[in-house]
Amino acid sequence: MEKCILFDLDGTLTESGEGIIKSVQYALEKMGKPETDTAKLRVFIGPPLIEQFMEYSGMSRNEAEKALLYYRERYEAIGIFENRPYPGIEDMLKILKEKGYILSVASSKPEFYVIKILEHFHIRNYFDEVVGATMDEKRTDKAAVIAEAWNRLKLSQNRKSVFMVGDKEHDIIGARKNRVPCIAVSYGYGTMQELLQEKPFRMVHSVHELQEVLLSL
């Protein structure tokens, strides 16, 4: 059976921290909760933003939804392209496609943004499917995103040939809920502690190592 790889976006395919963090700073400032320590805001890269605003700043759901609107105000205008693919990503995707792998993106970022980013960096054509969160935040949980990717790709129930690749604990947990092994990348935004705690199928430390592992599956 063909191998299928589901990729997270932020911290896995692209180095997107600058745009996300600056947009979170903008939102927090607008909400009267300014934060100057950008290192603290790395926790916003990857997980659903409404929940993260609530957890980080003690906001109510309504406040977090307002903060999300402020975030998008800056992100859509500037932050989305304060971003770049990790070196070697496009070469890896090209090789995997040439080898016949089915490739998909499965991201907690709104799907509209995911497609826009992939098209901007000219890598959209490598993916058979692109799945992200809904703009109304009703589908943000990584397990739900992976399940949606599974459905759109019309894969059989044999999940031994499907693998998730991500840089955060949410990717490993979401994959496990779908009975899909997860390859964790340490070069992204997750900490080694959180990744090791969730016991991924494999751990890799560079795009080159990731490529070698995927080709050996």
N, C-alpha and C. Protein backbone atom coordinates (compact mmCIF):
# COMPACT_ATOMS: atom_id res chain seq x y z
N MET A 1 0.84 -1.19 0.00
CA MET A 1 0.00 0.00 0.00
C MET A 1 0.87 1.25 0.00
N GLU A 2 0.42 2.31 -0.67
CA GLU A 2 1.19 3.55 -0.70
C GLU A 2 1.34 4.15 0.70
N LYS A 3 2.51 4.73 0.95
CA LYS A 3 2.74 5.40 2.21
C LYS A 3 2.11 6.80 2.15
N CYS A 4 1.49 7.20 3.25
CA CYS A 4 0.87 8.52 3.35
C CYS A 4 1.48 9.27 4.53
N ILE A 5 1.93 10.50 4.29
CA ILE A 5 2.54 11.32 5.34
C ILE A 5 1.70 12.56 5.56
N LEU A 6 1.28 12.79 6.79
CA LEU A 6 0.55 13.99 7.18
C LEU A 6 1.52 14.93 7.88
N PHE A 7 1.69 16.12 7.36
CA PHE A 7 2.63 17.08 7.93
C PHE A 7 1.92 18.20 8.68
N ASP A 8 2.40 18.50 9.88
CA ASP A 8 2.05 19.75 10.53
C ASP A 8 2.70 20.87 9.71
N LEU A 9 2.26 22.12 9.91
CA LEU A 9 2.85 23.23 9.16
C LEU A 9 3.85 24.02 10.01
N ASP A 10 3.35 24.75 11.01
CA ASP A 10 4.22 25.61 11.83
C ASP A 10 5.21 24.78 12.63
N GLY A 11 6.50 25.04 12.44
CA GLY A 11 7.52 24.33 13.20
C GLY A 11 7.90 22.98 12.61
N THR A 12 7.24 22.60 11.51
CA THR A 12 7.54 21.33 10.85
C THR A 12 7.95 21.57 9.40
N LEU A 13 7.08 22.25 8.66
CA LEU A 13 7.42 22.63 7.29
C LEU A 13 7.98 24.04 7.21
N THR A 14 7.43 24.96 8.03
CA THR A 14 7.87 26.35 7.98
C THR A 14 8.25 26.89 9.35
N GLU A 15 9.18 27.81 9.32
CA GLU A 15 9.65 28.51 10.53
C GLU A 15 8.82 29.79 10.64
N SER A 16 7.71 29.68 11.35
CA SER A 16 6.67 30.71 11.33
C SER A 16 6.58 31.53 12.61
N GLY A 17 7.50 31.32 13.53
CA GLY A 17 7.40 31.91 14.85
C GLY A 17 7.31 33.42 14.89
N GLU A 18 8.10 34.10 14.06
CA GLU A 18 8.13 35.56 14.11
C GLU A 18 6.75 36.18 13.88
N GLY A 19 6.08 35.75 12.83
CA GLY A 19 4.78 36.33 12.51
C GLY A 19 3.72 36.02 13.54
N ILE A 20 3.75 34.80 14.07
CA ILE A 20 2.77 34.41 15.09
C ILE A 20 3.00 35.18 16.37
N ILE A 21 4.23 35.21 16.84
CA ILE A 21 4.55 35.88 18.10
C ILE A 21 4.25 37.38 18.04
N LYS A 22 4.62 38.03 16.96
CA LYS A 22 4.36 39.47 16.84
C LYS A 22 2.87 39.76 16.77
N SER A 23 2.12 38.87 16.16
CA SER A 23 0.67 39.06 16.07
C SER A 23 0.00 38.79 17.42
N VAL A 24 0.53 37.84 18.18
CA VAL A 24 0.03 37.60 19.54
C VAL A 24 0.34 38.82 20.42
N GLN A 25 1.55 39.36 20.30
CA GLN A 25 1.91 40.57 21.05
C GLN A 25 0.94 41.71 20.75
N TYR A 26 0.62 41.87 19.49
CA TYR A 26 -0.32 42.92 19.05
C TYR A 26 -1.68 42.71 19.72
N ALA A 27 -2.15 41.46 19.72
CA ALA A 27 -3.46 41.15 20.31
C ALA A 27 -3.46 41.38 21.82
N LEU A 28 -2.41 40.94 22.48
CA LEU A 28 -2.34 41.12 23.93
C LEU A 28 -2.28 42.59 24.32
N GLU A 29 -1.56 43.37 23.54
CA GLU A 29 -1.50 44.82 23.77
C GLU A 29 -2.89 45.43 23.64
N LYS A 30 -3.62 45.04 22.60
CA LYS A 30 -4.98 45.54 22.38
C LYS A 30 -5.92 45.14 23.52
N MET A 31 -5.65 43.99 24.13
CA MET A 31 -6.50 43.48 25.21
C MET A 31 -6.06 44.01 26.58
N GLY A 32 -5.04 44.88 26.58
CA GLY A 32 -4.57 45.44 27.85
C GLY A 32 -3.74 44.49 28.67
N LYS A 33 -3.14 43.49 27.99
CA LYS A 33 -2.30 42.50 28.67
C LYS A 33 -0.97 42.39 27.93
N PRO A 34 -0.20 43.50 27.88
CA PRO A 34 1.04 43.51 27.07
C PRO A 34 2.08 42.51 27.57
N GLU A 35 2.84 41.96 26.62
CA GLU A 35 3.93 41.03 26.94
C GLU A 35 5.14 41.38 26.09
N THR A 36 6.24 41.72 26.73
CA THR A 36 7.45 42.10 25.99
C THR A 36 8.43 40.94 25.83
N ASP A 37 8.27 39.89 26.63
CA ASP A 37 9.17 38.74 26.57
C ASP A 37 8.67 37.77 25.50
N THR A 38 9.27 37.86 24.31
CA THR A 38 8.80 37.04 23.19
C THR A 38 9.03 35.55 23.42
N ALA A 39 10.02 35.21 24.23
CA ALA A 39 10.28 33.78 24.50
C ALA A 39 9.08 33.12 25.16
N LYS A 40 8.38 33.86 26.00
CA LYS A 40 7.20 33.32 26.68
C LYS A 40 6.07 33.03 25.71
N LEU A 41 6.07 33.74 24.58
CA LEU A 41 4.96 33.62 23.63
C LEU A 41 5.15 32.48 22.63
N ARG A 42 6.24 31.75 22.73
CA ARG A 42 6.46 30.59 21.85
C ARG A 42 5.37 29.54 22.06
N VAL A 43 4.72 29.55 23.22
CA VAL A 43 3.67 28.56 23.50
C VAL A 43 2.47 28.74 22.57
N PHE A 44 2.38 29.89 21.90
CA PHE A 44 1.26 30.14 20.99
C PHE A 44 1.47 29.51 19.62
N ILE A 45 2.66 29.02 19.36
CA ILE A 45 2.96 28.45 18.04
C ILE A 45 2.54 26.98 18.02
N GLY A 46 1.49 26.71 17.29
CA GLY A 46 1.05 25.32 17.16
C GLY A 46 -0.36 25.06 17.66
N PRO A 47 -0.64 25.27 18.96
CA PRO A 47 -1.97 24.92 19.48
C PRO A 47 -3.05 25.91 19.05
N PRO A 48 -4.33 25.52 19.20
CA PRO A 48 -5.43 26.44 18.89
C PRO A 48 -5.32 27.73 19.71
N LEU A 49 -5.53 28.87 19.06
CA LEU A 49 -5.23 30.15 19.69
C LEU A 49 -6.23 30.56 20.77
N ILE A 50 -7.50 30.30 20.59
CA ILE A 50 -8.47 30.71 21.61
C ILE A 50 -8.14 30.05 22.94
N GLU A 51 -7.91 28.75 22.91
CA GLU A 51 -7.56 28.04 24.15
C GLU A 51 -6.26 28.56 24.73
N GLN A 52 -5.30 28.90 23.86
CA GLN A 52 -4.01 29.37 24.35
C GLN A 52 -4.12 30.76 24.97
N PHE A 53 -4.92 31.64 24.39
CA PHE A 53 -5.15 32.96 25.00
C PHE A 53 -5.79 32.80 26.38
N MET A 54 -6.73 31.88 26.50
CA MET A 54 -7.39 31.64 27.78
C MET A 54 -6.41 31.11 28.82
N GLU A 55 -5.61 30.15 28.40
CA GLU A 55 -4.65 29.54 29.34
C GLU A 55 -3.54 30.50 29.72
N TYR A 56 -3.03 31.25 28.74
CA TYR A 56 -1.87 32.11 29.00
C TYR A 56 -2.24 33.35 29.82
N SER A 57 -3.38 33.96 29.50
CA SER A 57 -3.72 35.24 30.13
C SER A 57 -4.93 35.19 31.03
N GLY A 58 -5.51 34.02 31.22
CA GLY A 58 -6.68 33.92 32.08
C GLY A 58 -7.90 34.60 31.50
N MET A 59 -7.96 34.70 30.18
CA MET A 59 -9.11 35.35 29.53
C MET A 59 -10.33 34.43 29.57
N SER A 60 -11.51 35.05 29.53
CA SER A 60 -12.74 34.29 29.34
C SER A 60 -12.81 33.88 27.88
N ARG A 61 -13.75 33.00 27.55
CA ARG A 61 -13.92 32.59 26.15
C ARG A 61 -14.22 33.80 25.26
N ASN A 62 -15.10 34.67 25.71
CA ASN A 62 -15.44 35.85 24.91
C ASN A 62 -14.24 36.76 24.71
N GLU A 63 -13.44 36.94 25.76
CA GLU A 63 -12.24 37.77 25.64
C GLU A 63 -11.24 37.15 24.68
N ALA A 64 -11.09 35.82 24.76
CA ALA A 64 -10.14 35.13 23.88
C ALA A 64 -10.58 35.23 22.42
N GLU A 65 -11.87 35.18 22.19
CA GLU A 65 -12.38 35.32 20.82
C GLU A 65 -12.10 36.73 20.30
N LYS A 66 -12.20 37.72 21.17
CA LYS A 66 -11.87 39.09 20.77
C LYS A 66 -10.38 39.22 20.49
N ALA A 67 -9.56 38.59 21.33
CA ALA A 67 -8.10 38.61 21.13
C ALA A 67 -7.74 37.95 19.80
N LEU A 68 -8.47 36.89 19.44
CA LEU A 68 -8.21 36.22 18.17
C LEU A 68 -8.47 37.16 16.99
N LEU A 69 -9.51 37.96 17.09
CA LEU A 69 -9.81 38.92 16.02
C LEU A 69 -8.68 39.94 15.89
N TYR A 70 -8.15 40.40 17.02
CA TYR A 70 -7.01 41.33 16.97
C TYR A 70 -5.79 40.64 16.37
N TYR A 71 -5.58 39.40 16.78
CA TYR A 71 -4.45 38.63 16.23
C TYR A 71 -4.54 38.56 14.71
N ARG A 72 -5.71 38.22 14.21
CA ARG A 72 -5.88 38.08 12.77
C ARG A 72 -5.74 39.41 12.04
N GLU A 73 -6.08 40.49 12.73
CA GLU A 73 -5.95 41.83 12.15
C GLU A 73 -4.52 42.08 11.68
N ARG A 74 -3.54 41.71 12.53
CA ARG A 74 -2.14 41.89 12.15
C ARG A 74 -1.62 40.73 11.32
N TYR A 75 -2.04 39.51 11.69
CA TYR A 75 -1.51 38.32 11.02
C TYR A 75 -1.85 38.31 9.54
N GLU A 76 -3.09 38.64 9.21
CA GLU A 76 -3.51 38.60 7.81
C GLU A 76 -2.80 39.65 6.96
N ALA A 77 -2.45 40.78 7.58
CA ALA A 77 -1.81 41.87 6.84
C ALA A 77 -0.30 41.69 6.74
N ILE A 78 0.32 41.18 7.81
CA ILE A 78 1.79 41.15 7.88
C ILE A 78 2.34 39.78 8.31
N GLY A 79 1.81 39.28 9.41
CA GLY A 79 2.42 38.13 10.07
C GLY A 79 2.46 36.86 9.27
N ILE A 80 1.49 36.66 8.39
CA ILE A 80 1.41 35.40 7.65
C ILE A 80 2.67 35.12 6.82
N PHE A 81 3.34 36.20 6.38
CA PHE A 81 4.54 36.03 5.55
C PHE A 81 5.84 36.34 6.30
N GLU A 82 5.75 36.56 7.61
CA GLU A 82 6.95 36.61 8.44
C GLU A 82 7.27 35.15 8.78
N ASN A 83 7.75 34.44 7.82
CA ASN A 83 7.68 32.99 7.79
C ASN A 83 8.58 32.50 6.65
N ARG A 84 9.07 31.27 6.74
CA ARG A 84 9.85 30.70 5.64
C ARG A 84 9.93 29.19 5.80
N PRO A 85 9.99 28.43 4.71
CA PRO A 85 10.18 26.99 4.82
C PRO A 85 11.56 26.69 5.40
N TYR A 86 11.66 25.64 6.18
CA TYR A 86 12.97 25.23 6.68
C TYR A 86 13.83 24.79 5.50
N PRO A 87 15.13 25.05 5.55
CA PRO A 87 16.02 24.61 4.47
C PRO A 87 15.89 23.10 4.23
N GLY A 88 15.74 22.72 2.98
CA GLY A 88 15.65 21.31 2.62
C GLY A 88 14.24 20.77 2.51
N ILE A 89 13.25 21.54 2.95
CA ILE A 89 11.86 21.05 2.93
C ILE A 89 11.38 20.78 1.50
N GLU A 90 11.56 21.74 0.61
CA GLU A 90 11.05 21.54 -0.73
C GLU A 90 11.74 20.36 -1.43
N ASP A 91 13.03 20.22 -1.25
CA ASP A 91 13.75 19.09 -1.85
C ASP A 91 13.20 17.77 -1.32
N MET A 92 12.93 17.72 -0.01
CA MET A 92 12.38 16.50 0.58
C MET A 92 11.01 16.18 0.01
N LEU A 93 10.14 17.19 -0.10
CA LEU A 93 8.80 16.97 -0.63
C LEU A 93 8.86 16.47 -2.07
N LYS A 94 9.75 17.04 -2.84
CA LYS A 94 9.91 16.62 -4.24
C LYS A 94 10.32 15.16 -4.34
N ILE A 95 11.27 14.75 -3.52
CA ILE A 95 11.74 13.37 -3.53
C ILE A 95 10.63 12.41 -3.11
N LEU A 96 9.88 12.78 -2.06
CA LEU A 96 8.80 11.92 -1.59
C LEU A 96 7.73 11.74 -2.67
N LYS A 97 7.38 12.83 -3.36
CA LYS A 97 6.38 12.73 -4.42
C LYS A 97 6.89 11.85 -5.56
N GLU A 98 8.15 12.00 -5.91
CA GLU A 98 8.74 11.18 -6.98
C GLU A 98 8.72 9.69 -6.61
N LYS A 99 8.79 9.41 -5.30
CA LYS A 99 8.77 8.03 -4.83
C LYS A 99 7.33 7.50 -4.68
N GLY A 100 6.34 8.35 -4.96
CA GLY A 100 4.96 7.90 -4.93
C GLY A 100 4.25 8.03 -3.59
N TYR A 101 4.81 8.78 -2.66
CA TYR A 101 4.16 8.98 -1.37
C TYR A 101 2.93 9.89 -1.54
N ILE A 102 1.89 9.61 -0.76
CA ILE A 102 0.75 10.51 -0.66
C ILE A 102 1.07 11.51 0.44
N LEU A 103 0.98 12.80 0.15
CA LEU A 103 1.34 13.83 1.11
C LEU A 103 0.15 14.74 1.41
N SER A 104 0.02 15.10 2.68
CA SER A 104 -1.04 16.01 3.09
C SER A 104 -0.53 16.91 4.21
N VAL A 105 -1.11 18.10 4.32
CA VAL A 105 -0.86 18.95 5.47
C VAL A 105 -2.03 18.77 6.43
N ALA A 106 -1.74 18.67 7.72
CA ALA A 106 -2.77 18.59 8.77
C ALA A 106 -2.37 19.57 9.86
N SER A 107 -2.95 20.77 9.81
CA SER A 107 -2.53 21.86 10.68
C SER A 107 -3.68 22.42 11.50
N SER A 108 -3.38 22.90 12.70
CA SER A 108 -4.39 23.58 13.52
C SER A 108 -4.55 25.04 13.14
N LYS A 109 -3.76 25.51 12.19
CA LYS A 109 -3.93 26.86 11.64
C LYS A 109 -5.13 26.84 10.69
N PRO A 110 -5.90 27.93 10.62
CA PRO A 110 -7.02 27.95 9.68
C PRO A 110 -6.60 27.57 8.27
N GLU A 111 -7.41 26.73 7.65
CA GLU A 111 -7.07 26.17 6.34
C GLU A 111 -6.81 27.25 5.29
N PHE A 112 -7.57 28.33 5.35
CA PHE A 112 -7.39 29.44 4.42
C PHE A 112 -5.96 29.96 4.47
N TYR A 113 -5.41 30.12 5.69
CA TYR A 113 -4.04 30.60 5.84
C TYR A 113 -3.03 29.56 5.38
N VAL A 114 -3.30 28.30 5.69
CA VAL A 114 -2.37 27.23 5.31
C VAL A 114 -2.17 27.21 3.80
N ILE A 115 -3.28 27.24 3.07
CA ILE A 115 -3.20 27.22 1.60
C ILE A 115 -2.46 28.45 1.09
N LYS A 116 -2.76 29.60 1.67
CA LYS A 116 -2.12 30.84 1.24
C LYS A 116 -0.60 30.78 1.44
N ILE A 117 -0.17 30.22 2.56
CA ILE A 117 1.26 30.10 2.86
C ILE A 117 1.93 29.12 1.90
N LEU A 118 1.32 27.97 1.70
CA LEU A 118 1.89 26.97 0.80
C LEU A 118 2.01 27.51 -0.63
N GLU A 119 1.00 28.24 -1.06
CA GLU A 119 1.04 28.82 -2.40
C GLU A 119 2.11 29.91 -2.49
N HIS A 120 2.24 30.72 -1.44
CA HIS A 120 3.23 31.79 -1.42
C HIS A 120 4.64 31.24 -1.58
N PHE A 121 4.91 30.10 -0.95
CA PHE A 121 6.24 29.51 -1.01
C PHE A 121 6.37 28.45 -2.12
N HIS A 122 5.35 28.36 -2.96
CA HIS A 122 5.37 27.48 -4.15
C HIS A 122 5.56 26.02 -3.80
N ILE A 123 4.93 25.57 -2.71
CA ILE A 123 5.02 24.15 -2.36
C ILE A 123 3.64 23.49 -2.26
N ARG A 124 2.59 24.21 -2.60
CA ARG A 124 1.23 23.65 -2.53
C ARG A 124 1.08 22.42 -3.42
N ASN A 125 1.72 22.42 -4.58
CA ASN A 125 1.52 21.35 -5.56
C ASN A 125 2.07 20.00 -5.12
N TYR A 126 2.85 19.97 -4.04
CA TYR A 126 3.38 18.69 -3.56
C TYR A 126 2.34 17.91 -2.75
N PHE A 127 1.26 18.57 -2.35
CA PHE A 127 0.31 17.95 -1.43
C PHE A 127 -0.98 17.51 -2.12
N ASP A 128 -1.36 16.27 -1.84
CA ASP A 128 -2.60 15.73 -2.38
C ASP A 128 -3.81 16.36 -1.68
N GLU A 129 -3.63 16.77 -0.44
CA GLU A 129 -4.71 17.39 0.32
C GLU A 129 -4.12 18.36 1.32
N VAL A 130 -4.85 19.41 1.63
CA VAL A 130 -4.43 20.39 2.65
C VAL A 130 -5.60 20.57 3.60
N VAL A 131 -5.37 20.24 4.88
CA VAL A 131 -6.42 20.34 5.88
C VAL A 131 -5.95 21.22 7.03
N GLY A 132 -6.82 22.14 7.42
CA GLY A 132 -6.51 23.01 8.55
C GLY A 132 -7.73 23.18 9.42
N ALA A 133 -7.63 24.13 10.34
CA ALA A 133 -8.77 24.45 11.19
C ALA A 133 -9.79 25.26 10.39
N THR A 134 -11.01 25.32 10.92
CA THR A 134 -12.03 26.18 10.33
C THR A 134 -11.86 27.59 10.90
N MET A 135 -12.26 28.60 10.14
CA MET A 135 -12.10 29.98 10.60
C MET A 135 -12.94 30.28 11.84
N ASP A 136 -14.03 29.52 12.03
CA ASP A 136 -14.85 29.74 13.23
C ASP A 136 -14.34 28.98 14.45
N GLU A 137 -13.17 28.36 14.29
CA GLU A 137 -12.50 27.65 15.39
C GLU A 137 -13.27 26.41 15.86
N LYS A 138 -14.18 25.89 15.04
CA LYS A 138 -14.92 24.70 15.45
C LYS A 138 -14.11 23.43 15.21
N ARG A 139 -13.17 23.47 14.27
CA ARG A 139 -12.25 22.34 14.06
C ARG A 139 -10.84 22.87 14.23
N THR A 140 -10.31 22.74 15.45
CA THR A 140 -8.94 23.17 15.73
C THR A 140 -8.11 22.06 16.36
N ASP A 141 -8.77 21.17 17.10
CA ASP A 141 -8.06 20.08 17.76
C ASP A 141 -7.33 19.22 16.73
N LYS A 142 -6.07 18.89 17.01
CA LYS A 142 -5.27 18.17 16.02
C LYS A 142 -5.87 16.80 15.68
N ALA A 143 -6.47 16.15 16.64
CA ALA A 143 -7.10 14.86 16.36
C ALA A 143 -8.21 15.01 15.32
N ALA A 144 -9.00 16.08 15.43
CA ALA A 144 -10.09 16.33 14.48
C ALA A 144 -9.54 16.68 13.10
N VAL A 145 -8.44 17.42 13.08
CA VAL A 145 -7.81 17.79 11.81
C VAL A 145 -7.28 16.55 11.10
N ILE A 146 -6.62 15.69 11.84
CA ILE A 146 -6.08 14.44 11.26
C ILE A 146 -7.22 13.57 10.74
N ALA A 147 -8.30 13.48 11.50
CA ALA A 147 -9.45 12.68 11.07
C ALA A 147 -10.04 13.24 9.77
N GLU A 148 -10.09 14.56 9.66
CA GLU A 148 -10.61 15.18 8.44
C GLU A 148 -9.70 14.90 7.25
N ALA A 149 -8.39 14.95 7.48
CA ALA A 149 -7.44 14.62 6.41
C ALA A 149 -7.65 13.18 5.96
N TRP A 150 -7.81 12.29 6.91
CA TRP A 150 -8.05 10.87 6.62
C TRP A 150 -9.27 10.70 5.73
N ASN A 151 -10.36 11.42 6.09
CA ASN A 151 -11.60 11.30 5.32
C ASN A 151 -11.45 11.85 3.90
N ARG A 152 -10.78 13.00 3.78
CA ARG A 152 -10.65 13.61 2.45
C ARG A 152 -9.77 12.78 1.53
N LEU A 153 -8.76 12.15 2.10
CA LEU A 153 -7.86 11.33 1.29
C LEU A 153 -8.48 9.98 0.92
N LYS A 154 -9.63 9.68 1.58
CA LYS A 154 -10.34 8.43 1.31
C LYS A 154 -9.43 7.21 1.48
N LEU A 155 -8.70 7.23 2.58
CA LEU A 155 -7.80 6.13 2.88
C LEU A 155 -8.57 4.95 3.44
N SER A 156 -8.04 3.76 3.27
CA SER A 156 -8.67 2.56 3.82
C SER A 156 -8.46 2.55 5.34
N GLN A 157 -9.01 1.56 5.99
CA GLN A 157 -8.87 1.48 7.45
C GLN A 157 -7.51 0.95 7.88
N ASN A 158 -6.66 0.57 6.93
CA ASN A 158 -5.31 0.11 7.26
C ASN A 158 -4.41 1.32 7.53
N ARG A 159 -4.18 1.61 8.80
CA ARG A 159 -3.45 2.81 9.15
C ARG A 159 -1.95 2.59 9.33
N LYS A 160 -1.49 1.37 9.04
CA LYS A 160 -0.07 1.08 9.21
C LYS A 160 0.79 1.83 8.21
N SER A 161 0.21 2.31 7.13
CA SER A 161 0.99 3.00 6.11
C SER A 161 0.85 4.53 6.21
N VAL A 162 0.22 5.03 7.29
CA VAL A 162 0.00 6.47 7.48
C VAL A 162 0.82 6.96 8.67
N PHE A 163 1.50 8.08 8.50
CA PHE A 163 2.34 8.64 9.56
C PHE A 163 2.10 10.14 9.66
N MET A 164 2.12 10.63 10.89
CA MET A 164 2.03 12.07 11.16
C MET A 164 3.43 12.58 11.45
N VAL A 165 3.72 13.82 11.03
CA VAL A 165 4.99 14.46 11.35
C VAL A 165 4.67 15.81 11.99
N GLY A 166 5.20 16.05 13.19
CA GLY A 166 4.92 17.32 13.86
C GLY A 166 5.95 17.67 14.91
N ASP A 167 5.86 18.88 15.42
CA ASP A 167 6.87 19.37 16.36
C ASP A 167 6.35 19.63 17.77
N LYS A 168 5.07 19.36 18.01
CA LYS A 168 4.48 19.66 19.32
C LYS A 168 3.78 18.42 19.88
N GLU A 169 3.56 18.46 21.19
CA GLU A 169 2.87 17.35 21.84
C GLU A 169 1.48 17.13 21.25
N HIS A 170 0.84 18.24 20.81
CA HIS A 170 -0.50 18.13 20.24
C HIS A 170 -0.51 17.22 19.00
N ASP A 171 0.59 17.24 18.25
CA ASP A 171 0.68 16.40 17.06
C ASP A 171 0.73 14.93 17.45
N ILE A 172 1.51 14.62 18.47
CA ILE A 172 1.64 13.23 18.91
C ILE A 172 0.33 12.73 19.50
N ILE A 173 -0.29 13.56 20.34
CA ILE A 173 -1.55 13.18 20.98
C ILE A 173 -2.66 13.00 19.94
N GLY A 174 -2.74 13.96 19.00
CA GLY A 174 -3.76 13.87 17.96
C GLY A 174 -3.59 12.65 17.08
N ALA A 175 -2.33 12.33 16.76
CA ALA A 175 -2.05 11.14 15.96
C ALA A 175 -2.44 9.88 16.71
N ARG A 176 -2.09 9.85 18.00
CA ARG A 176 -2.40 8.66 18.81
C ARG A 176 -3.91 8.42 18.87
N LYS A 177 -4.68 9.48 18.99
CA LYS A 177 -6.14 9.35 19.05
C LYS A 177 -6.70 8.77 17.75
N ASN A 178 -5.96 8.95 16.66
CA ASN A 178 -6.37 8.40 15.37
C ASN A 178 -5.64 7.11 15.03
N ARG A 179 -4.88 6.58 16.01
CA ARG A 179 -4.14 5.33 15.84
C ARG A 179 -3.13 5.45 14.70
N VAL A 180 -2.48 6.60 14.63
CA VAL A 180 -1.47 6.87 13.61
C VAL A 180 -0.15 7.17 14.32
N PRO A 181 0.96 6.52 13.96
CA PRO A 181 2.25 6.82 14.58
C PRO A 181 2.72 8.22 14.21
N CYS A 182 3.38 8.90 15.14
CA CYS A 182 3.86 10.26 14.90
C CYS A 182 5.37 10.34 14.98
N ILE A 183 5.97 10.94 13.97
CA ILE A 183 7.40 11.23 13.96
C ILE A 183 7.56 12.67 14.45
N ALA A 184 8.25 12.86 15.56
CA ALA A 184 8.42 14.19 16.14
C ALA A 184 9.72 14.82 15.65
N VAL A 185 9.66 16.10 15.31
CA VAL A 185 10.85 16.83 14.88
C VAL A 185 11.26 17.79 15.99
N SER A 186 12.51 17.73 16.38
CA SER A 186 12.97 18.56 17.50
C SER A 186 13.43 19.94 17.06
N TYR A 187 13.47 20.19 15.73
CA TYR A 187 13.96 21.48 15.24
C TYR A 187 12.88 22.56 15.25
N GLY A 188 11.64 22.19 15.63
CA GLY A 188 10.54 23.14 15.63
C GLY A 188 10.38 23.87 16.94
N TYR A 189 9.12 24.02 17.39
CA TYR A 189 8.84 24.87 18.55
C TYR A 189 8.49 24.10 19.81
N GLY A 190 8.35 22.79 19.72
CA GLY A 190 8.09 22.01 20.91
C GLY A 190 9.38 21.77 21.70
N THR A 191 9.25 21.58 22.99
CA THR A 191 10.42 21.29 23.82
C THR A 191 10.71 19.78 23.77
N MET A 192 11.96 19.44 24.02
CA MET A 192 12.33 18.02 24.07
C MET A 192 11.53 17.32 25.17
N GLN A 193 11.32 18.01 26.28
CA GLN A 193 10.59 17.42 27.40
C GLN A 193 9.17 17.02 27.00
N GLU A 194 8.45 17.94 26.33
CA GLU A 194 7.07 17.63 25.97
C GLU A 194 7.00 16.52 24.92
N LEU A 195 7.97 16.52 23.99
CA LEU A 195 7.95 15.49 22.95
C LEU A 195 8.27 14.11 23.51
N LEU A 196 9.32 14.03 24.32
CA LEU A 196 9.71 12.74 24.89
C LEU A 196 8.64 12.20 25.83
N GLN A 197 7.97 13.10 26.53
CA GLN A 197 6.92 12.69 27.46
C GLN A 197 5.78 11.97 26.75
N GLU A 198 5.52 12.37 25.51
CA GLU A 198 4.41 11.76 24.75
C GLU A 198 4.84 10.53 23.94
N LYS A 199 6.13 10.19 23.99
CA LYS A 199 6.64 8.97 23.38
C LYS A 199 6.26 8.82 21.90
N PRO A 200 6.84 9.66 21.04
CA PRO A 200 6.55 9.54 19.60
C PRO A 200 7.11 8.25 19.02
N PHE A 201 6.63 7.89 17.85
CA PHE A 201 7.10 6.71 17.13
C PHE A 201 8.60 6.83 16.84
N ARG A 202 9.03 8.01 16.38
CA ARG A 202 10.43 8.31 16.14
C ARG A 202 10.67 9.78 16.47
N MET A 203 11.93 10.11 16.74
CA MET A 203 12.33 11.50 16.95
C MET A 203 13.46 11.81 15.98
N VAL A 204 13.34 12.93 15.26
CA VAL A 204 14.41 13.34 14.35
C VAL A 204 14.81 14.78 14.67
N HIS A 205 16.03 15.14 14.28
CA HIS A 205 16.58 16.42 14.71
C HIS A 205 16.92 17.37 13.55
N SER A 206 16.61 16.97 12.33
CA SER A 206 16.87 17.84 11.18
C SER A 206 15.97 17.41 10.02
N VAL A 207 15.83 18.29 9.04
CA VAL A 207 15.04 17.95 7.85
C VAL A 207 15.70 16.79 7.11
N HIS A 208 17.02 16.77 7.05
CA HIS A 208 17.73 15.69 6.37
C HIS A 208 17.44 14.35 7.04
N GLU A 209 17.47 14.33 8.37
CA GLU A 209 17.19 13.09 9.09
C GLU A 209 15.73 12.68 8.89
N LEU A 210 14.83 13.66 8.86
CA LEU A 210 13.42 13.37 8.62
C LEU A 210 13.25 12.70 7.26
N GLN A 211 13.90 13.24 6.25
CA GLN A 211 13.82 12.67 4.91
C GLN A 211 14.30 11.23 4.90
N GLU A 212 15.40 10.95 5.57
CA GLU A 212 15.94 9.59 5.61
C GLU A 212 14.96 8.63 6.27
N VAL A 213 14.35 9.07 7.37
CA VAL A 213 13.40 8.23 8.08
C VAL A 213 12.17 7.96 7.24
N LEU A 214 11.62 9.00 6.60
CA LEU A 214 10.42 8.82 5.78
C LEU A 214 10.67 7.89 4.61
N LEU A 215 11.84 7.99 4.00
CA LEU A 215 12.16 7.12 2.86
C LEU A 215 12.40 5.67 3.29
N SER A 216 12.64 5.47 4.58
CA SER A 216 12.91 4.11 5.06
C SER A 216 11.66 3.41 5.57
N LEU A 217 10.53 4.12 5.61
CA LEU A 217 9.31 3.53 6.16
C LEU A 217 8.80 2.38 5.30
